[in-house]
Amino acid sequence: MDSVFDTVAGLPLHPLVVHVVVVLLPLAALGAIVMVTWPRFSRRYGPLVVIAGVVATLAAFVAKEAGEAFALRVGVPPEHEEYGSWLPWAAAAFFLLLLAFWLVDRGIPMNRSRPGWVILLGVVLVLASIGVIVLTLVVGHSGAEAVWAGVVRAGT
């Protein structure tokens, strides 16, 4: 194993970086929903939500690569691998929508309402946010089940 995505300090990288994804990606998605529904939040905390989104998206790509390296050591749970291959791309699409919304929304003065096309972009962002939260839960659950189901069953 000579991959940079294999281990860090002797520990497999995949389970370490996955925790960044499962925390930050849903948090960024929830932040995006609040941004769409509450303009003042968007203008004040939008940069933090965008930073969380980019870190989560990059971590999702690292988790995917690290998962492939990890699979060479422990095997591949097919369901988790399939779902996990979609998550970085869904995160990237979500992030691009989030960034576009924030860049446009921050330029709208507080004494003006959002134009219709910005509202439509916000609706698409909310749908993408919900989708990325659900996909993160599905990927995380399938991975946790692959690791822990046998251990829990053996203990009962």
Protein backbone atom coordinates (compact mmCIF):
# COMPACT_ATOMS: atom_id res chain seq x y z
CA MET A 1 0.00 0.00 0.00
CA ASP A 2 1.80 3.09 -1.25
CA SER A 3 -1.27 5.29 -1.65
CA VAL A 4 -1.39 8.64 0.09
CA PHE A 5 -5.02 7.77 0.87
CA ASP A 6 -4.19 4.55 2.71
CA THR A 7 -3.10 5.36 6.26
CA VAL A 8 -2.19 8.24 8.54
CA ALA A 9 0.06 7.48 11.52
CA GLY A 10 -0.71 3.79 11.05
CA LEU A 11 -4.50 4.25 11.07
CA PRO A 12 -6.70 3.85 8.01
CA LEU A 13 -7.54 7.27 6.57
CA HIS A 14 -11.08 6.39 5.45
CA PRO A 15 -12.80 6.12 8.86
CA LEU A 16 -10.97 9.23 10.04
CA VAL A 17 -11.99 11.52 7.17
CA VAL A 18 -15.51 10.09 6.97
CA HIS A 19 -16.31 11.80 10.26
CA VAL A 20 -15.54 15.18 8.70
CA VAL A 21 -18.04 14.42 5.93
CA VAL A 22 -20.85 13.11 8.13
CA VAL A 23 -20.64 16.15 10.40
CA LEU A 24 -19.87 19.04 8.04
CA LEU A 25 -21.90 18.08 4.97
CA PRO A 26 -25.29 17.87 6.74
CA LEU A 27 -24.36 20.93 8.81
CA ALA A 28 -23.59 22.91 5.64
CA ALA A 29 -26.83 21.66 4.08
CA LEU A 30 -28.84 22.75 7.11
CA GLY A 31 -27.02 26.08 7.01
CA ALA A 32 -27.97 26.43 3.34
CA ILE A 33 -31.63 25.84 4.14
CA VAL A 34 -31.48 28.53 6.82
CA MET A 35 -29.72 30.87 4.36
CA VAL A 36 -32.55 30.46 1.86
CA THR A 37 -35.28 31.04 4.43
CA TRP A 38 -33.61 33.79 6.46
CA PRO A 39 -31.78 36.47 4.43
CA ARG A 40 -30.14 38.08 7.46
CA PHE A 41 -28.54 34.74 8.40
CA SER A 42 -27.35 34.34 4.82
CA ARG A 43 -25.58 37.66 4.81
CA ARG A 44 -24.07 37.25 8.25
CA TYR A 45 -23.12 33.56 8.37
CA GLY A 46 -23.08 32.66 4.67
CA PRO A 47 -19.26 32.63 4.51
CA LEU A 48 -19.11 30.06 7.32
CA VAL A 49 -21.67 27.85 5.59
CA VAL A 50 -19.71 28.11 2.32
CA ILE A 51 -16.45 27.21 4.10
CA ALA A 52 -18.13 24.21 5.75
CA GLY A 53 -19.49 23.20 2.33
CA VAL A 54 -16.13 23.32 0.58
CA VAL A 55 -14.34 21.46 3.38
CA ALA A 56 -17.08 18.79 3.44
CA THR A 57 -16.98 18.42 -0.35
CA LEU A 58 -13.20 18.04 -0.43
CA ALA A 59 -13.41 15.58 2.46
CA ALA A 60 -16.03 13.56 0.55
CA PHE A 61 -13.61 13.14 -2.36
CA VAL A 62 -10.78 12.19 0.02
CA ALA A 63 -13.10 9.72 1.79
CA LYS A 64 -13.97 8.10 -1.53
CA GLU A 65 -10.31 7.66 -2.49
CA ALA A 66 -9.40 6.51 1.02
CA GLY A 67 -12.32 4.08 0.92
CA GLU A 68 -10.93 2.51 -2.24
CA ALA A 69 -7.53 2.10 -0.57
CA PHE A 70 -9.20 0.74 2.59
CA ALA A 71 -11.20 -1.75 0.52
CA LEU A 72 -7.96 -3.33 -0.68
CA ARG A 73 -7.18 -4.14 2.96
CA VAL A 74 -10.57 -5.24 4.31
CA GLY A 75 -12.80 -5.94 1.32
CA VAL A 76 -15.59 -4.01 -0.30
CA PRO A 77 -19.14 -3.80 1.01
CA PRO A 78 -20.82 -3.36 -2.41
CA GLU A 79 -23.79 -1.30 -1.25
CA HIS A 80 -21.57 1.14 0.64
CA GLU A 81 -19.15 1.43 -2.26
CA GLU A 82 -21.97 2.18 -4.70
CA TYR A 83 -23.59 4.84 -2.49
CA GLY A 84 -20.19 6.25 -1.53
CA SER A 85 -19.20 6.75 -5.14
CA TRP A 86 -22.17 9.13 -5.59
CA LEU A 87 -21.68 11.25 -2.49
CA PRO A 88 -18.67 13.35 -3.59
CA TRP A 89 -20.46 14.32 -6.81
CA ALA A 90 -23.67 15.15 -4.98
CA ALA A 91 -21.63 17.19 -2.49
CA ALA A 92 -19.91 19.04 -5.36
CA ALA A 93 -23.25 19.86 -7.01
CA PHE A 94 -24.64 21.03 -3.67
CA PHE A 95 -21.56 23.16 -3.05
CA LEU A 96 -21.76 24.84 -6.45
CA LEU A 97 -25.42 25.72 -5.84
CA LEU A 98 -24.56 26.97 -2.35
CA LEU A 99 -21.71 29.11 -3.64
CA ALA A 100 -23.81 30.55 -6.47
CA PHE A 101 -26.66 31.36 -4.11
CA TRP A 102 -24.37 33.02 -1.57
CA LEU A 103 -22.48 35.05 -4.18
CA VAL A 104 -25.73 36.42 -5.61
CA ASP A 105 -27.56 36.83 -2.31
CA ARG A 106 -24.81 38.78 -0.58
CA GLY A 107 -25.09 41.49 -3.22
CA ILE A 108 -28.80 42.11 -2.62
CA PRO A 109 -29.36 45.04 -0.22
CA MET A 110 -31.28 44.20 2.95
CA ASN A 111 -34.00 46.71 2.06
CA ARG A 112 -34.81 44.85 -1.18
CA SER A 113 -36.46 41.51 -1.67
CA ARG A 114 -34.82 38.70 -3.60
CA PRO A 115 -35.69 38.54 -7.31
CA GLY A 116 -37.76 35.58 -8.49
CA TRP A 117 -34.82 33.78 -10.09
CA VAL A 118 -32.87 33.97 -6.81
CA ILE A 119 -35.87 32.53 -4.99
CA LEU A 120 -35.96 29.71 -7.57
CA LEU A 121 -32.23 29.12 -7.06
CA GLY A 122 -32.94 28.97 -3.33
CA VAL A 123 -35.63 26.35 -3.84
CA VAL A 124 -33.21 24.25 -5.90
CA LEU A 125 -30.59 24.69 -3.16
CA VAL A 126 -33.05 23.53 -0.49
CA LEU A 127 -33.88 20.43 -2.56
CA ALA A 128 -30.17 19.74 -3.09
CA SER A 129 -29.58 20.22 0.63
CA ILE A 130 -32.24 17.68 1.52
CA GLY A 131 -30.85 15.28 -1.08
CA VAL A 132 -27.29 15.55 0.19
CA ILE A 133 -28.42 15.04 3.80
CA VAL A 134 -30.35 11.90 2.84
CA LEU A 135 -27.48 10.54 0.74
CA THR A 136 -25.00 11.21 3.55
CA LEU A 137 -27.24 9.29 5.95
CA VAL A 138 -27.61 6.38 3.52
CA VAL A 139 -23.87 6.17 2.84
CA GLY A 140 -23.01 6.49 6.52
CA HIS A 141 -25.57 3.90 7.55
CA SER A 142 -24.40 1.38 4.96
CA GLY A 143 -20.79 1.85 6.08
CA ALA A 144 -21.64 1.58 9.77
CA GLU A 145 -23.73 -1.49 9.09
CA ALA A 146 -20.86 -3.11 7.17
CA VAL A 147 -18.53 -2.51 10.13
CA TRP A 148 -20.76 -3.01 13.15
CA ALA A 149 -23.65 -5.33 12.23
CA GLY A 150 -21.63 -8.50 12.76
CA VAL A 151 -20.13 -7.21 15.99
CA VAL A 152 -23.51 -6.26 17.44
CA ARG A 153 -25.10 -9.57 16.40
CA ALA A 154 -22.21 -11.53 17.93
CA GLY A 155 -22.65 -9.67 21.22
CA THR A 156 -26.36 -10.47 21.56
